[in-house]
């Protein structure tokens, strides 16, 4: 469940791709974008793996959701790390919040009204109150990571892509064989199977995460 949260990190990818300057020779900017993505995710993955392994090898089963909580408040290096975490949260919050607000407004069918000052202000204030209020109450970051990965990660990895594929196939049902987006019956069946598998994994992961937190 926690590993599945990695798939939740690319919600800003379309925005970054759109804002990326194309090559001067007029060619596709996909190679440049792929290089940036591979470098960014590669470095982040290597850093997180190192931190995770070091924390677990140091504290074992006593490791907390935020590994810095295991270190004494007088530990100088841990203090520097806490400052780094605080800086990361401070400067990445606007990027994360922008995607959240855009997604919520789109889900509510208010995307066309997002430019209005009143809609912008109300949506921003309500979401900030909701997010920060939850942050003041919820202390177990491990539970949030596991639960989010189980539900949202499974949806993004399995359920939503399969549903989109089925939606395109439904629109192309009357198209000739071999047309882009038209699926064979076996492929349609596999997509339904993936939707079912993703749903089961989400439920099982959520239950397991909640049971683990209860103990």
C-alpha atoms as a PDB file:
ATOM      1  CA  UNK A   1       0.000   0.000   0.000  1.00  0.00           C
ATOM      2  CA  UNK A   2       2.791   2.419   0.869  1.00  0.00           C
ATOM      3  CA  UNK A   3       4.693   1.655  -2.332  1.00  0.00           C
ATOM      4  CA  UNK A   4       1.541   2.399  -4.333  1.00  0.00           C
ATOM      5  CA  UNK A   5       1.726   6.027  -3.198  1.00  0.00           C
ATOM      6  CA  UNK A   6       4.525   6.448  -5.763  1.00  0.00           C
ATOM      7  CA  UNK A   7       1.856   6.422  -8.472  1.00  0.00           C
ATOM      8  CA  UNK A   8       0.151   9.391  -6.823  1.00  0.00           C
ATOM      9  CA  UNK A   9       3.166  11.641  -7.415  1.00  0.00           C
ATOM     10  CA  UNK A  10       2.538  12.388 -11.080  1.00  0.00           C
ATOM     11  CA  UNK A  11      -0.721  14.386 -10.881  1.00  0.00           C
ATOM     12  CA  UNK A  12       1.137  17.508 -12.062  1.00  0.00           C
ATOM     13  CA  UNK A  13       2.800  15.702 -14.983  1.00  0.00           C
ATOM     14  CA  UNK A  14       0.400  17.047 -17.662  1.00  0.00           C
ATOM     15  CA  UNK A  15       0.918  20.603 -16.382  1.00  0.00           C
ATOM     16  CA  UNK A  16       4.711  20.196 -16.396  1.00  0.00           C
ATOM     17  CA  UNK A  17       4.621  18.712 -19.892  1.00  0.00           C
ATOM     18  CA  UNK A  18       2.538  21.605 -21.181  1.00  0.00           C
ATOM     19  CA  UNK A  19       4.863  24.179 -19.622  1.00  0.00           C
ATOM     20  CA  UNK A  20       8.041  22.477 -20.901  1.00  0.00           C
ATOM     21  CA  UNK A  21       9.631  24.485 -23.723  1.00  0.00           C
ATOM     22  CA  UNK A  22       9.823  22.522 -26.998  1.00  0.00           C
ATOM     23  CA  UNK A  23      13.213  21.913 -28.687  1.00  0.00           C
ATOM     24  CA  UNK A  24      14.408  24.676 -30.993  1.00  0.00           C
ATOM     25  CA  UNK A  25      14.535  22.278 -33.945  1.00  0.00           C
ATOM     26  CA  UNK A  26      10.770  21.746 -33.683  1.00  0.00           C
ATOM     27  CA  UNK A  27      10.993  18.065 -32.757  1.00  0.00           C
ATOM     28  CA  UNK A  28       8.904  16.346 -30.084  1.00  0.00           C
ATOM     29  CA  UNK A  29       9.609  17.351 -26.511  1.00  0.00           C
ATOM     30  CA  UNK A  30       8.891  13.833 -25.219  1.00  0.00           C
ATOM     31  CA  UNK A  31      12.605  12.787 -25.055  1.00  0.00           C
ATOM     32  CA  UNK A  32      13.393  15.902 -23.023  1.00  0.00           C
ATOM     33  CA  UNK A  33      10.388  15.301 -20.776  1.00  0.00           C
ATOM     34  CA  UNK A  34      11.279  11.611 -20.307  1.00  0.00           C
ATOM     35  CA  UNK A  35      14.812  12.574 -19.297  1.00  0.00           C
ATOM     36  CA  UNK A  36      13.519  15.055 -16.723  1.00  0.00           C
ATOM     37  CA  UNK A  37      11.029  12.512 -15.342  1.00  0.00           C
ATOM     38  CA  UNK A  38      13.595   9.707 -15.153  1.00  0.00           C
ATOM     39  CA  UNK A  39      16.101  11.954 -13.413  1.00  0.00           C
ATOM     40  CA  UNK A  40      13.602  13.409 -10.963  1.00  0.00           C
ATOM     41  CA  UNK A  41      11.917  10.154  -9.993  1.00  0.00           C
ATOM     42  CA  UNK A  42      15.231   8.282 -10.022  1.00  0.00           C
ATOM     43  CA  UNK A  43      16.898  10.658  -7.576  1.00  0.00           C
ATOM     44  CA  UNK A  44      13.790  10.831  -5.374  1.00  0.00           C
ATOM     45  CA  UNK A  45      13.483   7.030  -5.347  1.00  0.00           C
ATOM     46  CA  UNK A  46      17.151   6.515  -4.476  1.00  0.00           C
ATOM     47  CA  UNK A  47      16.978   9.090  -1.689  1.00  0.00           C
ATOM     48  CA  UNK A  48      13.770   7.677  -0.204  1.00  0.00           C
ATOM     49  CA  UNK A  49      15.084   4.107  -0.385  1.00  0.00           C
ATOM     50  CA  UNK A  50      18.244   5.118   1.459  1.00  0.00           C
ATOM     51  CA  UNK A  51      16.300   6.953   4.175  1.00  0.00           C
ATOM     52  CA  UNK A  52      13.814   4.094   4.568  1.00  0.00           C
ATOM     53  CA  UNK A  53      16.504   1.419   4.791  1.00  0.00           C
ATOM     54  CA  UNK A  54      18.626   3.440   7.211  1.00  0.00           C
ATOM     55  CA  UNK A  55      15.680   4.163   9.489  1.00  0.00           C
ATOM     56  CA  UNK A  56      14.483   0.565   9.584  1.00  0.00           C
ATOM     57  CA  UNK A  57      17.978  -0.844  10.121  1.00  0.00           C
ATOM     58  CA  UNK A  58      18.424   1.597  13.009  1.00  0.00           C
ATOM     59  CA  UNK A  59      15.095   1.192  14.833  1.00  0.00           C
ATOM     60  CA  UNK A  60      13.575  -1.997  13.403  1.00  0.00           C
ATOM     61  CA  UNK A  61       9.915  -2.575  14.238  1.00  0.00           C
ATOM     62  CA  UNK A  62       9.947   0.506  16.484  1.00  0.00           C
ATOM     63  CA  UNK A  63      10.342   2.809  13.482  1.00  0.00           C
ATOM     64  CA  UNK A  64       7.536   5.391  13.372  1.00  0.00           C
ATOM     65  CA  UNK A  65       5.667   6.686  10.340  1.00  0.00           C
ATOM     66  CA  UNK A  66       7.875   9.790  10.398  1.00  0.00           C
ATOM     67  CA  UNK A  67      11.296   8.336  11.152  1.00  0.00           C
ATOM     68  CA  UNK A  68      12.572  11.638  12.572  1.00  0.00           C
ATOM     69  CA  UNK A  69      10.229  11.152  15.534  1.00  0.00           C
ATOM     70  CA  UNK A  70      12.465   8.275  16.634  1.00  0.00           C
ATOM     71  CA  UNK A  71      15.429  10.600  17.116  1.00  0.00           C
ATOM     72  CA  UNK A  72      15.985  12.719  20.204  1.00  0.00           C
ATOM     73  CA  UNK A  73      15.088  16.385  20.008  1.00  0.00           C
ATOM     74  CA  UNK A  74      18.683  17.165  20.999  1.00  0.00           C
ATOM     75  CA  UNK A  75      20.146  15.289  18.017  1.00  0.00           C
ATOM     76  CA  UNK A  76      21.839  17.956  15.873  1.00  0.00           C
ATOM     77  CA  UNK A  77      21.662  16.040  12.583  1.00  0.00           C
ATOM     78  CA  UNK A  78      18.010  15.146  13.178  1.00  0.00           C
ATOM     79  CA  UNK A  79      17.324  18.842  13.795  1.00  0.00           C
ATOM     80  CA  UNK A  80      18.883  19.713  10.433  1.00  0.00           C
ATOM     81  CA  UNK A  81      16.755  16.998   8.805  1.00  0.00           C
ATOM     82  CA  UNK A  82      13.618  18.424  10.436  1.00  0.00           C
ATOM     83  CA  UNK A  83      14.470  21.840   9.012  1.00  0.00           C
ATOM     84  CA  UNK A  84      14.821  20.225   5.593  1.00  0.00           C
ATOM     85  CA  UNK A  85      11.419  18.543   5.926  1.00  0.00           C
ATOM     86  CA  UNK A  86       9.839  21.819   7.031  1.00  0.00           C
ATOM     87  CA  UNK A  87      11.346  23.646   4.045  1.00  0.00           C
ATOM     88  CA  UNK A  88      10.164  20.929   1.670  1.00  0.00           C
ATOM     89  CA  UNK A  89       6.605  21.111   3.005  1.00  0.00           C
ATOM     90  CA  UNK A  90       6.606  24.907   2.936  1.00  0.00           C
ATOM     91  CA  UNK A  91       7.706  25.230  -0.688  1.00  0.00           C
ATOM     92  CA  UNK A  92       5.891  22.201  -2.130  1.00  0.00           C
ATOM     93  CA  UNK A  93       2.546  22.961  -0.452  1.00  0.00           C
ATOM     94  CA  UNK A  94       1.425  25.447  -3.154  1.00  0.00           C
ATOM     95  CA  UNK A  95       2.105  22.917  -5.931  1.00  0.00           C
ATOM     96  CA  UNK A  96       0.211  20.163  -4.138  1.00  0.00           C
ATOM     97  CA  UNK A  97      -2.635  22.446  -3.145  1.00  0.00           C
ATOM     98  CA  UNK A  98      -3.035  23.803  -6.677  1.00  0.00           C
ATOM     99  CA  UNK A  99      -3.539  20.287  -8.022  1.00  0.00           C
ATOM    100  CA  UNK A 100      -5.970  19.471  -5.196  1.00  0.00           C
ATOM    101  CA  UNK A 101      -8.081  22.574  -5.781  1.00  0.00           C
ATOM    102  CA  UNK A 102      -8.182  22.074  -9.551  1.00  0.00           C
ATOM    103  CA  UNK A 103      -9.153  18.435  -9.085  1.00  0.00           C
ATOM    104  CA  UNK A 104     -11.927  19.189  -6.591  1.00  0.00           C
ATOM    105  CA  UNK A 105     -13.394  21.951  -8.752  1.00  0.00           C
ATOM    106  CA  UNK A 106     -13.276  19.679 -11.786  1.00  0.00           C
ATOM    107  CA  UNK A 107     -14.962  16.884  -9.836  1.00  0.00           C
ATOM    108  CA  UNK A 108     -17.732  19.266  -8.785  1.00  0.00           C
ATOM    109  CA  UNK A 109     -18.159  20.536 -12.338  1.00  0.00           C
ATOM    110  CA  UNK A 110     -16.953  24.027 -11.430  1.00  0.00           C
ATOM    111  CA  UNK A 111     -13.852  24.201 -13.631  1.00  0.00           C
ATOM    112  CA  UNK A 112     -15.342  26.923 -15.822  1.00  0.00           C
ATOM    113  CA  UNK A 113     -16.051  29.042 -12.739  1.00  0.00           C
ATOM    114  CA  UNK A 114     -12.588  28.592 -11.204  1.00  0.00           C
ATOM    115  CA  UNK A 115     -11.407  31.964 -12.532  1.00  0.00           C
ATOM    116  CA  UNK A 116     -14.104  33.814 -10.574  1.00  0.00           C
ATOM    117  CA  UNK A 117     -12.731  35.469  -7.443  1.00  0.00           C
ATOM    118  CA  UNK A 118     -15.548  34.248  -5.180  1.00  0.00           C
ATOM    119  CA  UNK A 119     -15.241  30.603  -6.295  1.00  0.00           C
ATOM    120  CA  UNK A 120     -11.445  30.787  -6.083  1.00  0.00           C
ATOM    121  CA  UNK A 121     -11.523  32.285  -2.576  1.00  0.00           C
ATOM    122  CA  UNK A 122     -14.175  29.955  -1.129  1.00  0.00           C
ATOM    123  CA  UNK A 123     -12.577  26.819  -2.583  1.00  0.00           C
ATOM    124  CA  UNK A 124      -9.140  27.844  -1.310  1.00  0.00           C
ATOM    125  CA  UNK A 125     -10.308  28.655   2.227  1.00  0.00           C
ATOM    126  CA  UNK A 126     -12.452  25.530   2.615  1.00  0.00           C
ATOM    127  CA  UNK A 127      -9.744  23.186   1.378  1.00  0.00           C
ATOM    128  CA  UNK A 128      -7.061  24.819   3.531  1.00  0.00           C
ATOM    129  CA  UNK A 129      -9.284  24.484   6.600  1.00  0.00           C
ATOM    130  CA  UNK A 130     -10.031  20.850   5.764  1.00  0.00           C
ATOM    131  CA  UNK A 131      -6.433  19.842   5.071  1.00  0.00           C
ATOM    132  CA  UNK A 132      -4.854  21.728   7.972  1.00  0.00           C
ATOM    133  CA  UNK A 133      -7.616  20.640  10.342  1.00  0.00           C
ATOM    134  CA  UNK A 134      -6.977  17.007   9.471  1.00  0.00           C
ATOM    135  CA  UNK A 135      -3.224  17.555   9.913  1.00  0.00           C
ATOM    136  CA  UNK A 136      -3.813  18.845  13.450  1.00  0.00           C
ATOM    137  CA  UNK A 137      -5.812  15.747  14.402  1.00  0.00           C
ATOM    138  CA  UNK A 138      -4.105  12.878  12.570  1.00  0.00           C
ATOM    139  CA  UNK A 139      -0.689  11.964  13.965  1.00  0.00           C
ATOM    140  CA  UNK A 140       0.095   8.604  12.323  1.00  0.00           C
ATOM    141  CA  UNK A 141       1.695   9.429   8.979  1.00  0.00           C
ATOM    142  CA  UNK A 142       2.241   5.736   8.301  1.00  0.00           C
ATOM    143  CA  UNK A 143      -1.522   5.130   8.350  1.00  0.00           C
ATOM    144  CA  UNK A 144      -2.165   8.024   5.955  1.00  0.00           C
ATOM    145  CA  UNK A 145       0.512   6.776   3.577  1.00  0.00           C
ATOM    146  CA  UNK A 146      -0.728   3.175   3.660  1.00  0.00           C
ATOM    147  CA  UNK A 147      -4.421   4.059   3.405  1.00  0.00           C
ATOM    148  CA  UNK A 148      -3.857   6.553   0.601  1.00  0.00           C
ATOM    149  CA  UNK A 149      -1.718   4.075  -1.298  1.00  0.00           C
ATOM    150  CA  UNK A 150      -4.239   1.283  -0.868  1.00  0.00           C
ATOM    151  CA  UNK A 151      -7.266   3.244  -2.064  1.00  0.00           C
ATOM    152  CA  UNK A 152      -5.970   6.000  -4.335  1.00  0.00           C
ATOM    153  CA  UNK A 153      -2.925   4.096  -5.576  1.00  0.00           C
ATOM    154  CA  UNK A 154      -4.972   1.051  -6.549  1.00  0.00           C
ATOM    155  CA  UNK A 155      -7.505   3.277  -8.283  1.00  0.00           C
ATOM    156  CA  UNK A 156      -4.831   5.113 -10.262  1.00  0.00           C
ATOM    157  CA  UNK A 157      -2.794   2.018 -11.132  1.00  0.00           C
ATOM    158  CA  UNK A 158      -5.566  -0.456 -11.942  1.00  0.00           C
ATOM    159  CA  UNK A 159      -9.128   0.844 -11.898  1.00  0.00           C
ATOM    160  CA  UNK A 160      -9.085   4.211 -13.674  1.00  0.00           C
ATOM    161  CA  UNK A 161      -6.872   3.246 -16.663  1.00  0.00           C
ATOM    162  CA  UNK A 162      -9.021   0.167 -17.306  1.00  0.00           C
ATOM    163  CA  UNK A 163     -12.232   2.211 -17.060  1.00  0.00           C
ATOM    164  CA  UNK A 164     -10.837   4.791 -19.483  1.00  0.00           C
ATOM    165  CA  UNK A 165      -9.899   2.017 -21.902  1.00  0.00           C
ATOM    166  CA  UNK A 166     -13.391   0.558 -21.647  1.00  0.00           C
ATOM    167  CA  UNK A 167     -14.903   4.000 -22.188  1.00  0.00           C
ATOM    168  CA  UNK A 168     -12.908   4.520 -25.384  1.00  0.00           C
ATOM    169  CA  UNK A 169     -13.772   1.001 -26.552  1.00  0.00           C
ATOM    170  CA  UNK A 170     -17.463   1.704 -25.945  1.00  0.00           C
ATOM    171  CA  UNK A 171     -17.259   4.817 -28.121  1.00  0.00           C
ATOM    172  CA  UNK A 172     -15.435   2.829 -30.828  1.00  0.00           C
ATOM    173  CA  UNK A 173     -17.790  -0.165 -30.731  1.00  0.00           C
ATOM    174  CA  UNK A 174     -19.167   0.547 -34.208  1.00  0.00           C
ATOM    175  CA  UNK A 175     -15.747   1.255 -35.739  1.00  0.00           C
ATOM    176  CA  UNK A 176     -14.086  -1.257 -38.119  1.00  0.00           C
ATOM    177  CA  UNK A 177     -11.749  -3.904 -36.717  1.00  0.00           C
ATOM    178  CA  UNK A 178      -8.247  -2.628 -36.131  1.00  0.00           C
ATOM    179  CA  UNK A 179      -9.338   0.950 -35.502  1.00  0.00           C
ATOM    180  CA  UNK A 180      -7.409   2.795 -32.748  1.00  0.00           C
ATOM    181  CA  UNK A 181      -9.134   2.298 -29.403  1.00  0.00           C
ATOM    182  CA  UNK A 182     -11.299  -0.606 -30.540  1.00  0.00           C
ATOM    183  CA  UNK A 183     -10.750  -3.598 -28.250  1.00  0.00           C
ATOM    184  CA  UNK A 184     -11.210  -7.276 -28.910  1.00  0.00           C
ATOM    185  CA  UNK A 185     -13.640  -9.184 -26.635  1.00  0.00           C
ATOM    186  CA  UNK A 186     -10.716 -10.778 -24.787  1.00  0.00           C
ATOM    187  CA  UNK A 187      -9.169  -7.349 -24.140  1.00  0.00           C
ATOM    188  CA  UNK A 188     -12.496  -6.049 -22.846  1.00  0.00           C
ATOM    189  CA  UNK A 189     -12.668  -8.999 -20.462  1.00  0.00           C
ATOM    190  CA  UNK A 190      -9.141  -8.333 -19.227  1.00  0.00           C
ATOM    191  CA  UNK A 191     -10.023  -4.708 -18.536  1.00  0.00           C
ATOM    192  CA  UNK A 192     -13.025  -5.726 -16.451  1.00  0.00           C
ATOM    193  CA  UNK A 193     -10.774  -8.189 -14.618  1.00  0.00           C
ATOM    194  CA  UNK A 194      -8.273  -5.419 -13.876  1.00  0.00           C
ATOM    195  CA  UNK A 195     -11.065  -3.199 -12.512  1.00  0.00           C
ATOM    196  CA  UNK A 196     -12.193  -6.014 -10.213  1.00  0.00           C
ATOM    197  CA  UNK A 197      -8.617  -6.770  -9.128  1.00  0.00           C
ATOM    198  CA  UNK A 198      -7.909  -3.120  -8.352  1.00  0.00           C
ATOM    199  CA  UNK A 199     -11.115  -2.824  -6.332  1.00  0.00           C
ATOM    200  CA  UNK A 200     -10.287  -5.925  -4.293  1.00  0.00           C
ATOM    201  CA  UNK A 201      -6.723  -4.731  -3.650  1.00  0.00           C
ATOM    202  CA  UNK A 202      -8.031  -1.333  -2.527  1.00  0.00           C
ATOM    203  CA  UNK A 203     -10.475  -2.879  -0.047  1.00  0.00           C
ATOM    204  CA  UNK A 204      -7.989  -5.441   1.291  1.00  0.00           C
ATOM    205  CA  UNK A 205      -5.239  -2.822   1.573  1.00  0.00           C
ATOM    206  CA  UNK A 206      -7.506  -0.379   3.390  1.00  0.00           C
ATOM    207  CA  UNK A 207      -8.724  -3.017   5.859  1.00  0.00           C
ATOM    208  CA  UNK A 208      -5.180  -4.234   6.508  1.00  0.00           C
ATOM    209  CA  UNK A 209      -3.930  -0.681   7.077  1.00  0.00           C
ATOM    210  CA  UNK A 210      -6.740   0.131   9.509  1.00  0.00           C
ATOM    211  CA  UNK A 211      -6.251  -3.122  11.406  1.00  0.00           C
ATOM    212  CA  UNK A 212      -2.528  -2.443  11.659  1.00  0.00           C
ATOM    213  CA  UNK A 213      -3.206   1.019  13.057  1.00  0.00           C
ATOM    214  CA  UNK A 214      -5.680  -0.384  15.583  1.00  0.00           C
ATOM    215  CA  UNK A 215      -3.009  -2.672  16.997  1.00  0.00           C
END
